[in-house]
Amino acid sequence: MKNEIILYQAKELPSRIEVRIEDETVWLNQDQMATLFGRNRVAITQHIGNIFKEGELDEEVVCKDFLLTTQHGAIKGKSQTRKI
């Protein structure tokens, strides 16, 4: 299994997109798709939901869980607390 990460920067895009390629498959999270297509994450989530609902793609086959981190490295939706 060969894993690659490609950074894509186009003049039309406001920022670069890090693309994960694994076994000849391109993996993007919803934030990356939103940037690529110039839409917000909510629109991407709705489109993906419709694709699964209409049976165009099987969610079990085309989705993969990745830990998403914020720009400063924290995992989204997770917090760390320490009692002193």
PDB file of N, CA and C in Angstrom:
ATOM      1  N   MET A   1       0.844  -1.177   0.000  1.00  0.00           N
ATOM      2  CA  MET A   1       0.000   0.000   0.000  1.00  0.00           C
ATOM      3  C   MET A   1       0.888   1.238   0.000  1.00  0.00           C
ATOM      4  N   LYS A   2       0.671   2.090  -0.965  1.00  0.00           N
ATOM      5  CA  LYS A   2       1.457   3.312  -1.089  1.00  0.00           C
ATOM      6  C   LYS A   2       0.568   4.507  -0.762  1.00  0.00           C
ATOM      7  N   ASN A   3       1.011   5.322   0.160  1.00  0.00           N
ATOM      8  CA  ASN A   3       0.272   6.527   0.540  1.00  0.00           C
ATOM      9  C   ASN A   3       1.051   7.749   0.106  1.00  0.00           C
ATOM     10  N   GLU A   4       0.358   8.692  -0.487  1.00  0.00           N
ATOM     11  CA  GLU A   4       0.977   9.943  -0.906  1.00  0.00           C
ATOM     12  C   GLU A   4       0.120  11.096  -0.412  1.00  0.00           C
ATOM     13  N   ILE A   5       0.751  12.213  -0.207  1.00  0.00           N
ATOM     14  CA  ILE A   5       0.023  13.451   0.064  1.00  0.00           C
ATOM     15  C   ILE A   5       0.514  14.473  -0.942  1.00  0.00           C
ATOM     16  N   ILE A   6      -0.415  15.056  -1.664  1.00  0.00           N
ATOM     17  CA  ILE A   6      -0.089  16.049  -2.683  1.00  0.00           C
ATOM     18  C   ILE A   6      -0.698  17.377  -2.252  1.00  0.00           C
ATOM     19  N   LEU A   7       0.078  18.434  -2.327  1.00  0.00           N
ATOM     20  CA  LEU A   7      -0.432  19.774  -2.032  1.00  0.00           C
ATOM     21  C   LEU A   7      -0.807  20.428  -3.348  1.00  0.00           C
ATOM     22  N   TYR A   8      -2.039  20.888  -3.444  1.00  0.00           N
ATOM     23  CA  TYR A   8      -2.538  21.469  -4.677  1.00  0.00           C
ATOM     24  C   TYR A   8      -2.821  22.945  -4.446  1.00  0.00           C
ATOM     25  N   GLN A   9      -2.251  23.781  -5.269  1.00  0.00           N
ATOM     26  CA  GLN A   9      -2.494  25.222  -5.167  1.00  0.00           C
ATOM     27  C   GLN A   9      -2.828  25.744  -6.559  1.00  0.00           C
ATOM     28  N   ALA A  10      -4.007  26.280  -6.700  1.00  0.00           N
ATOM     29  CA  ALA A  10      -4.421  26.870  -7.968  1.00  0.00           C
ATOM     30  C   ALA A  10      -4.630  28.366  -7.754  1.00  0.00           C
ATOM     31  N   LYS A  11      -4.417  29.132  -8.784  1.00  0.00           N
ATOM     32  CA  LYS A  11      -4.586  30.583  -8.687  1.00  0.00           C
ATOM     33  C   LYS A  11      -6.011  30.957  -8.293  1.00  0.00           C
ATOM     34  N   GLU A  12      -6.980  30.128  -8.690  1.00  0.00           N
ATOM     35  CA  GLU A  12      -8.383  30.427  -8.421  1.00  0.00           C
ATOM     36  C   GLU A  12      -8.779  30.152  -6.974  1.00  0.00           C
ATOM     37  N   LEU A  13      -7.972  29.375  -6.253  1.00  0.00           N
ATOM     38  CA  LEU A  13      -8.325  28.988  -4.891  1.00  0.00           C
ATOM     39  C   LEU A  13      -7.680  29.914  -3.871  1.00  0.00           C
ATOM     40  N   PRO A  14      -8.401  30.201  -2.784  1.00  0.00           N
ATOM     41  CA  PRO A  14      -7.846  31.091  -1.764  1.00  0.00           C
ATOM     42  C   PRO A  14      -6.736  30.441  -0.934  1.00  0.00           C
ATOM     43  N   SER A  15      -6.691  29.137  -0.907  1.00  0.00           N
ATOM     44  CA  SER A  15      -5.658  28.449  -0.129  1.00  0.00           C
ATOM     45  C   SER A  15      -5.311  27.129  -0.795  1.00  0.00           C
ATOM     46  N   ARG A  16      -4.279  26.489  -0.296  1.00  0.00           N
ATOM     47  CA  ARG A  16      -3.893  25.206  -0.875  1.00  0.00           C
ATOM     48  C   ARG A  16      -4.726  24.089  -0.251  1.00  0.00           C
ATOM     49  N   ILE A  17      -4.791  22.973  -0.949  1.00  0.00           N
ATOM     50  CA  ILE A  17      -5.541  21.815  -0.481  1.00  0.00           C
ATOM     51  C   ILE A  17      -4.575  20.643  -0.393  1.00  0.00           C
ATOM     52  N   GLU A  18      -4.535  20.020   0.757  1.00  0.00           N
ATOM     53  CA  GLU A  18      -3.720  18.824   0.947  1.00  0.00           C
ATOM     54  C   GLU A  18      -4.571  17.622   0.556  1.00  0.00           C
ATOM     55  N   VAL A  19      -4.118  16.868  -0.441  1.00  0.00           N
ATOM     56  CA  VAL A  19      -4.877  15.739  -0.963  1.00  0.00           C
ATOM     57  C   VAL A  19      -4.189  14.443  -0.562  1.00  0.00           C
ATOM     58  N   ARG A  20      -4.927  13.549   0.068  1.00  0.00           N
ATOM     59  CA  ARG A  20      -4.394  12.239   0.449  1.00  0.00           C
ATOM     60  C   ARG A  20      -4.740  11.250  -0.666  1.00  0.00           C
ATOM     61  N   ILE A  21      -3.727  10.547  -1.153  1.00  0.00           N
ATOM     62  CA  ILE A  21      -3.934   9.520  -2.167  1.00  0.00           C
ATOM     63  C   ILE A  21      -3.509   8.190  -1.562  1.00  0.00           C
ATOM     64  N   GLU A  22      -4.443   7.241  -1.552  1.00  0.00           N
ATOM     65  CA  GLU A  22      -4.179   5.936  -0.963  1.00  0.00           C
ATOM     66  C   GLU A  22      -4.722   4.861  -1.898  1.00  0.00           C
ATOM     67  N   ASP A  23      -3.860   3.972  -2.344  1.00  0.00           N
ATOM     68  CA  ASP A  23      -4.263   2.900  -3.264  1.00  0.00           C
ATOM     69  C   ASP A  23      -5.025   3.449  -4.474  1.00  0.00           C
ATOM     70  N   GLU A  24      -4.490   4.475  -5.093  1.00  0.00           N
ATOM     71  CA  GLU A  24      -5.051   5.107  -6.292  1.00  0.00           C
ATOM     72  C   GLU A  24      -6.420   5.757  -6.044  1.00  0.00           C
ATOM     73  N   THR A  25      -6.738   6.037  -4.789  1.00  0.00           N
ATOM     74  CA  THR A  25      -7.986   6.706  -4.435  1.00  0.00           C
ATOM     75  C   THR A  25      -7.659   8.042  -3.788  1.00  0.00           C
ATOM     76  N   VAL A  26      -8.353   9.089  -4.209  1.00  0.00           N
ATOM     77  CA  VAL A  26      -8.170  10.420  -3.631  1.00  0.00           C
ATOM     78  C   VAL A  26      -9.140  10.570  -2.460  1.00  0.00           C
ATOM     79  N   TRP A  27      -8.605  10.996  -1.308  1.00  0.00           N
ATOM     80  CA  TRP A  27      -9.422  11.202  -0.115  1.00  0.00           C
ATOM     81  C   TRP A  27      -9.392  12.679   0.264  1.00  0.00           C
ATOM     82  N   LEU A  28     -10.578  13.283   0.353  1.00  0.00           N
ATOM     83  CA  LEU A  28     -10.725  14.666   0.814  1.00  0.00           C
ATOM     84  C   LEU A  28     -11.752  14.681   1.934  1.00  0.00           C
ATOM     85  N   ASN A  29     -11.530  15.523   2.930  1.00  0.00           N
ATOM     86  CA  ASN A  29     -12.581  15.694   3.929  1.00  0.00           C
ATOM     87  C   ASN A  29     -13.533  16.785   3.432  1.00  0.00           C
ATOM     88  N   GLN A  30     -14.604  17.005   4.164  1.00  0.00           N
ATOM     89  CA  GLN A  30     -15.616  17.957   3.706  1.00  0.00           C
ATOM     90  C   GLN A  30     -15.092  19.386   3.642  1.00  0.00           C
ATOM     91  N   ASP A  31     -14.222  19.762   4.549  1.00  0.00           N
ATOM     92  CA  ASP A  31     -13.632  21.102   4.489  1.00  0.00           C
ATOM     93  C   ASP A  31     -12.797  21.276   3.222  1.00  0.00           C
ATOM     94  N   GLN A  32     -12.039  20.250   2.861  1.00  0.00           N
ATOM     95  CA  GLN A  32     -11.218  20.317   1.650  1.00  0.00           C
ATOM     96  C   GLN A  32     -12.099  20.399   0.403  1.00  0.00           C
ATOM     97  N   MET A  33     -13.194  19.620   0.375  1.00  0.00           N
ATOM     98  CA  MET A  33     -14.118  19.684  -0.764  1.00  0.00           C
ATOM     99  C   MET A  33     -14.762  21.061  -0.858  1.00  0.00           C
ATOM    100  N   ALA A  34     -15.114  21.635   0.280  1.00  0.00           N
ATOM    101  CA  ALA A  34     -15.719  22.970   0.288  1.00  0.00           C
ATOM    102  C   ALA A  34     -14.758  23.994  -0.307  1.00  0.00           C
ATOM    103  N   THR A  35     -13.492  23.916   0.060  1.00  0.00           N
ATOM    104  CA  THR A  35     -12.485  24.826  -0.495  1.00  0.00           C
ATOM    105  C   THR A  35     -12.327  24.596  -1.992  1.00  0.00           C
ATOM    106  N   LEU A  36     -12.219  23.339  -2.392  1.00  0.00           N
ATOM    107  CA  LEU A  36     -12.020  23.002  -3.802  1.00  0.00           C
ATOM    108  C   LEU A  36     -13.157  23.522  -4.681  1.00  0.00           C
ATOM    109  N   PHE A  37     -14.397  23.359  -4.218  1.00  0.00           N
ATOM    110  CA  PHE A  37     -15.551  23.736  -5.029  1.00  0.00           C
ATOM    111  C   PHE A  37     -16.097  25.126  -4.710  1.00  0.00           C
ATOM    112  N   GLY A  38     -15.452  25.842  -3.788  1.00  0.00           N
ATOM    113  CA  GLY A  38     -15.886  27.198  -3.467  1.00  0.00           C
ATOM    114  C   GLY A  38     -17.249  27.253  -2.804  1.00  0.00           C
ATOM    115  N   ARG A  39     -17.554  26.269  -1.986  1.00  0.00           N
ATOM    116  CA  ARG A  39     -18.831  26.200  -1.272  1.00  0.00           C
ATOM    117  C   ARG A  39     -18.549  26.096   0.218  1.00  0.00           C
ATOM    118  N   ASN A  40     -19.590  26.210   1.038  1.00  0.00           N
ATOM    119  CA  ASN A  40     -19.373  26.014   2.471  1.00  0.00           C
ATOM    120  C   ASN A  40     -19.566  24.540   2.824  1.00  0.00           C
ATOM    121  N   ARG A  41     -19.117  24.182   4.020  1.00  0.00           N
ATOM    122  CA  ARG A  41     -19.139  22.778   4.445  1.00  0.00           C
ATOM    123  C   ARG A  41     -20.569  22.237   4.529  1.00  0.00           C
ATOM    124  N   VAL A  42     -21.521  23.073   4.910  1.00  0.00           N
ATOM    125  CA  VAL A  42     -22.918  22.642   5.017  1.00  0.00           C
ATOM    126  C   VAL A  42     -23.442  22.188   3.653  1.00  0.00           C
ATOM    127  N   ALA A  43     -23.136  22.940   2.605  1.00  0.00           N
ATOM    128  CA  ALA A  43     -23.570  22.567   1.253  1.00  0.00           C
ATOM    129  C   ALA A  43     -22.963  21.228   0.836  1.00  0.00           C
ATOM    130  N   ILE A  44     -21.684  21.036   1.138  1.00  0.00           N
ATOM    131  CA  ILE A  44     -21.014  19.779   0.798  1.00  0.00           C
ATOM    132  C   ILE A  44     -21.672  18.620   1.546  1.00  0.00           C
ATOM    133  N   THR A  45     -21.962  18.810   2.833  1.00  0.00           N
ATOM    134  CA  THR A  45     -22.606  17.770   3.640  1.00  0.00           C
ATOM    135  C   THR A  45     -23.968  17.402   3.059  1.00  0.00           C
ATOM    136  N   GLN A  46     -24.737  18.400   2.630  1.00  0.00           N
ATOM    137  CA  GLN A  46     -26.052  18.139   2.034  1.00  0.00           C
ATOM    138  C   GLN A  46     -25.924  17.355   0.732  1.00  0.00           C
ATOM    139  N   HIS A  47     -24.982  17.739  -0.116  1.00  0.00           N
ATOM    140  CA  HIS A  47     -24.791  17.033  -1.385  1.00  0.00           C
ATOM    141  C   HIS A  47     -24.367  15.588  -1.153  1.00  0.00           C
ATOM    142  N   ILE A  48     -23.454  15.379  -0.225  1.00  0.00           N
ATOM    143  CA  ILE A  48     -22.996  14.019   0.071  1.00  0.00           C
ATOM    144  C   ILE A  48     -24.152  13.183   0.624  1.00  0.00           C
ATOM    145  N   GLY A  49     -24.946  13.776   1.510  1.00  0.00           N
ATOM    146  CA  GLY A  49     -26.111  13.071   2.053  1.00  0.00           C
ATOM    147  C   GLY A  49     -27.083  12.659   0.958  1.00  0.00           C
ATOM    148  N   ASN A  50     -27.323  13.546  -0.006  1.00  0.00           N
ATOM    149  CA  ASN A  50     -28.212  13.225  -1.129  1.00  0.00           C
ATOM    150  C   ASN A  50     -27.650  12.102  -1.992  1.00  0.00           C
ATOM    151  N   ILE A  51     -26.349  12.111  -2.203  1.00  0.00           N
ATOM    152  CA  ILE A  51     -25.705  11.059  -3.002  1.00  0.00           C
ATOM    153  C   ILE A  51     -25.917   9.699  -2.346  1.00  0.00           C
ATOM    154  N   PHE A  52     -25.761   9.624  -1.036  1.00  0.00           N
ATOM    155  CA  PHE A  52     -25.964   8.362  -0.324  1.00  0.00           C
ATOM    156  C   PHE A  52     -27.442   7.975  -0.298  1.00  0.00           C
ATOM    157  N   LYS A  53     -28.326   8.962  -0.062  1.00  0.00           N
ATOM    158  CA  LYS A  53     -29.760   8.689   0.018  1.00  0.00           C
ATOM    159  C   LYS A  53     -30.295   8.160  -1.316  1.00  0.00           C
ATOM    160  N   GLU A  54     -29.789   8.704  -2.423  1.00  0.00           N
ATOM    161  CA  GLU A  54     -30.249   8.285  -3.744  1.00  0.00           C
ATOM    162  C   GLU A  54     -29.568   7.008  -4.229  1.00  0.00           C
ATOM    163  N   GLY A  55     -28.609   6.506  -3.457  1.00  0.00           N
ATOM    164  CA  GLY A  55     -27.948   5.252  -3.813  1.00  0.00           C
ATOM    165  C   GLY A  55     -26.887   5.364  -4.890  1.00  0.00           C
ATOM    166  N   GLU A  56     -26.461   6.595  -5.208  1.00  0.00           N
ATOM    167  CA  GLU A  56     -25.403   6.760  -6.211  1.00  0.00           C
ATOM    168  C   GLU A  56     -24.101   6.126  -5.756  1.00  0.00           C
ATOM    169  N   LEU A  57     -23.813   6.267  -4.464  1.00  0.00           N
ATOM    170  CA  LEU A  57     -22.614   5.679  -3.871  1.00  0.00           C
ATOM    171  C   LEU A  57     -22.984   5.000  -2.564  1.00  0.00           C
ATOM    172  N   ASP A  58     -22.227   3.969  -2.212  1.00  0.00           N
ATOM    173  CA  ASP A  58     -22.412   3.249  -0.957  1.00  0.00           C
ATOM    174  C   ASP A  58     -21.492   3.856   0.096  1.00  0.00           C
ATOM    175  N   GLU A  59     -22.082   4.407   1.148  1.00  0.00           N
ATOM    176  CA  GLU A  59     -21.300   5.082   2.186  1.00  0.00           C
ATOM    177  C   GLU A  59     -20.253   4.155   2.803  1.00  0.00           C
ATOM    178  N   GLU A  60     -20.579   2.880   2.960  1.00  0.00           N
ATOM    179  CA  GLU A  60     -19.643   1.917   3.549  1.00  0.00           C
ATOM    180  C   GLU A  60     -18.383   1.758   2.700  1.00  0.00           C
ATOM    181  N   VAL A  61     -18.504   1.967   1.398  1.00  0.00           N
ATOM    182  CA  VAL A  61     -17.384   1.762   0.478  1.00  0.00           C
ATOM    183  C   VAL A  61     -16.560   3.031   0.284  1.00  0.00           C
ATOM    184  N   VAL A  62     -17.213   4.183   0.236  1.00  0.00           N
ATOM    185  CA  VAL A  62     -16.509   5.409  -0.153  1.00  0.00           C
ATOM    186  C   VAL A  62     -16.110   6.328   0.996  1.00  0.00           C
ATOM    187  N   CYS A  63     -16.477   5.988   2.218  1.00  0.00           N
ATOM    188  CA  CYS A  63     -16.116   6.826   3.363  1.00  0.00           C
ATOM    189  C   CYS A  63     -15.058   6.144   4.209  1.00  0.00           C
ATOM    190  N   LYS A  64     -14.209   6.959   4.787  1.00  0.00           N
ATOM    191  CA  LYS A  64     -13.159   6.458   5.665  1.00  0.00           C
ATOM    192  C   LYS A  64     -12.982   7.467   6.784  1.00  0.00           C
ATOM    193  N   ASP A  65     -12.845   6.983   8.001  1.00  0.00           N
ATOM    194  CA  ASP A  65     -12.669   7.871   9.150  1.00  0.00           C
ATOM    195  C   ASP A  65     -11.224   8.323   9.261  1.00  0.00           C
ATOM    196  N   PHE A  66     -11.043   9.622   9.331  1.00  0.00           N
ATOM    197  CA  PHE A  66      -9.745  10.230   9.584  1.00  0.00           C
ATOM    198  C   PHE A  66      -9.930  11.184  10.751  1.00  0.00           C
ATOM    199  N   LEU A  67      -8.929  11.312  11.578  1.00  0.00           N
ATOM    200  CA  LEU A  67      -8.986  12.324  12.623  1.00  0.00           C
ATOM    201  C   LEU A  67      -8.735  13.678  11.991  1.00  0.00           C
ATOM    202  N   LEU A  68      -9.654  14.587  12.161  1.00  0.00           N
ATOM    203  CA  LEU A  68      -9.502  15.927  11.617  1.00  0.00           C
ATOM    204  C   LEU A  68      -8.969  16.828  12.710  1.00  0.00           C
ATOM    205  N   THR A  69      -8.000  17.615  12.374  1.00  0.00           N
ATOM    206  CA  THR A  69      -7.464  18.543  13.359  1.00  0.00           C
ATOM    207  C   THR A  69      -7.707  19.969  12.904  1.00  0.00           C
ATOM    208  N   THR A  70      -7.743  20.861  13.863  1.00  0.00           N
ATOM    209  CA  THR A  70      -7.877  22.273  13.538  1.00  0.00           C
ATOM    210  C   THR A  70      -6.527  22.788  13.066  1.00  0.00           C
ATOM    211  N   GLN A  71      -6.471  24.040  12.638  1.00  0.00           N
ATOM    212  CA  GLN A  71      -5.222  24.604  12.131  1.00  0.00           C
ATOM    213  C   GLN A  71      -4.124  24.600  13.177  1.00  0.00           C
ATOM    214  N   HIS A  72      -4.488  24.674  14.453  1.00  0.00           N
ATOM    215  CA  HIS A  72      -3.448  24.690  15.482  1.00  0.00           C
ATOM    216  C   HIS A  72      -3.187  23.299  16.055  1.00  0.00           C
ATOM    217  N   GLY A  73      -3.784  22.258  15.465  1.00  0.00           N
ATOM    218  CA  GLY A  73      -3.446  20.890  15.832  1.00  0.00           C
ATOM    219  C   GLY A  73      -4.403  20.180  16.764  1.00  0.00           C
ATOM    220  N   ALA A  74      -5.405  20.863  17.296  1.00  0.00           N
ATOM    221  CA  ALA A  74      -6.368  20.206  18.184  1.00  0.00           C
ATOM    222  C   ALA A  74      -7.346  19.384  17.354  1.00  0.00           C
ATOM    223  N   ILE A  75      -7.800  18.297  17.898  1.00  0.00           N
ATOM    224  CA  ILE A  75      -8.765  17.467  17.186  1.00  0.00           C
ATOM    225  C   ILE A  75     -10.144  18.102  17.322  1.00  0.00           C
ATOM    226  N   LYS A  76     -10.840  18.288  16.200  1.00  0.00           N
ATOM    227  CA  LYS A  76     -12.168  18.899  16.216  1.00  0.00           C
ATOM    228  C   LYS A  76     -13.117  18.046  17.048  1.00  0.00           C
ATOM    229  N   GLY A  77     -13.894  18.702  17.885  1.00  0.00           N
ATOM    230  CA  GLY A  77     -14.875  18.010  18.690  1.00  0.00           C
ATOM    231  C   GLY A  77     -14.304  17.348  19.929  1.00  0.00           C
ATOM    232  N   LYS A  78     -13.031  17.453  20.143  1.00  0.00           N
ATOM    233  CA  LYS A  78     -12.388  16.848  21.312  1.00  0.00           C
ATOM    234  C   LYS A  78     -11.772  17.949  22.159  1.00  0.00           C
ATOM    235  N   SER A  79     -11.827  17.767  23.445  1.00  0.00           N
ATOM    236  CA  SER A  79     -11.156  18.713  24.325  1.00  0.00           C
ATOM    237  C   SER A  79     -10.374  17.932  25.366  1.00  0.00           C
ATOM    238  N   GLN A  80      -9.379  18.543  25.880  1.00  0.00           N
ATOM    239  CA  GLN A  80      -8.543  17.905  26.885  1.00  0.00           C
ATOM    240  C   GLN A  80      -8.584  18.750  28.144  1.00  0.00           C
ATOM    241  N   THR A  81      -8.908  18.120  29.244  1.00  0.00           N
ATOM    242  CA  THR A  81      -8.928  18.836  30.514  1.00  0.00           C
ATOM    243  C   THR A  81      -8.032  18.110  31.501  1.00  0.00           C
ATOM    244  N   ARG A  82      -7.516  18.869  32.429  1.00  0.00           N
ATOM    245  CA  ARG A  82      -6.642  18.287  33.445  1.00  0.00           C
ATOM    246  C   ARG A  82      -7.010  18.894  34.785  1.00  0.00           C
ATOM    247  N   LYS A  83      -7.288  18.037  35.744  1.00  0.00           N
ATOM    248  CA  LYS A  83      -7.609  18.520  37.086  1.00  0.00           C
ATOM    249  C   LYS A  83      -6.319  18.858  37.804  1.00  0.00           C
ATOM    250  N   ILE A  84      -6.328  19.990  38.484  1.00  0.00           N
ATOM    251  CA  ILE A  84      -5.131  20.429  39.211  1.00  0.00           C
ATOM    252  C   ILE A  84      -5.408  20.388  40.694  1.00  0.00           C
TER     253      ILE A  84
END
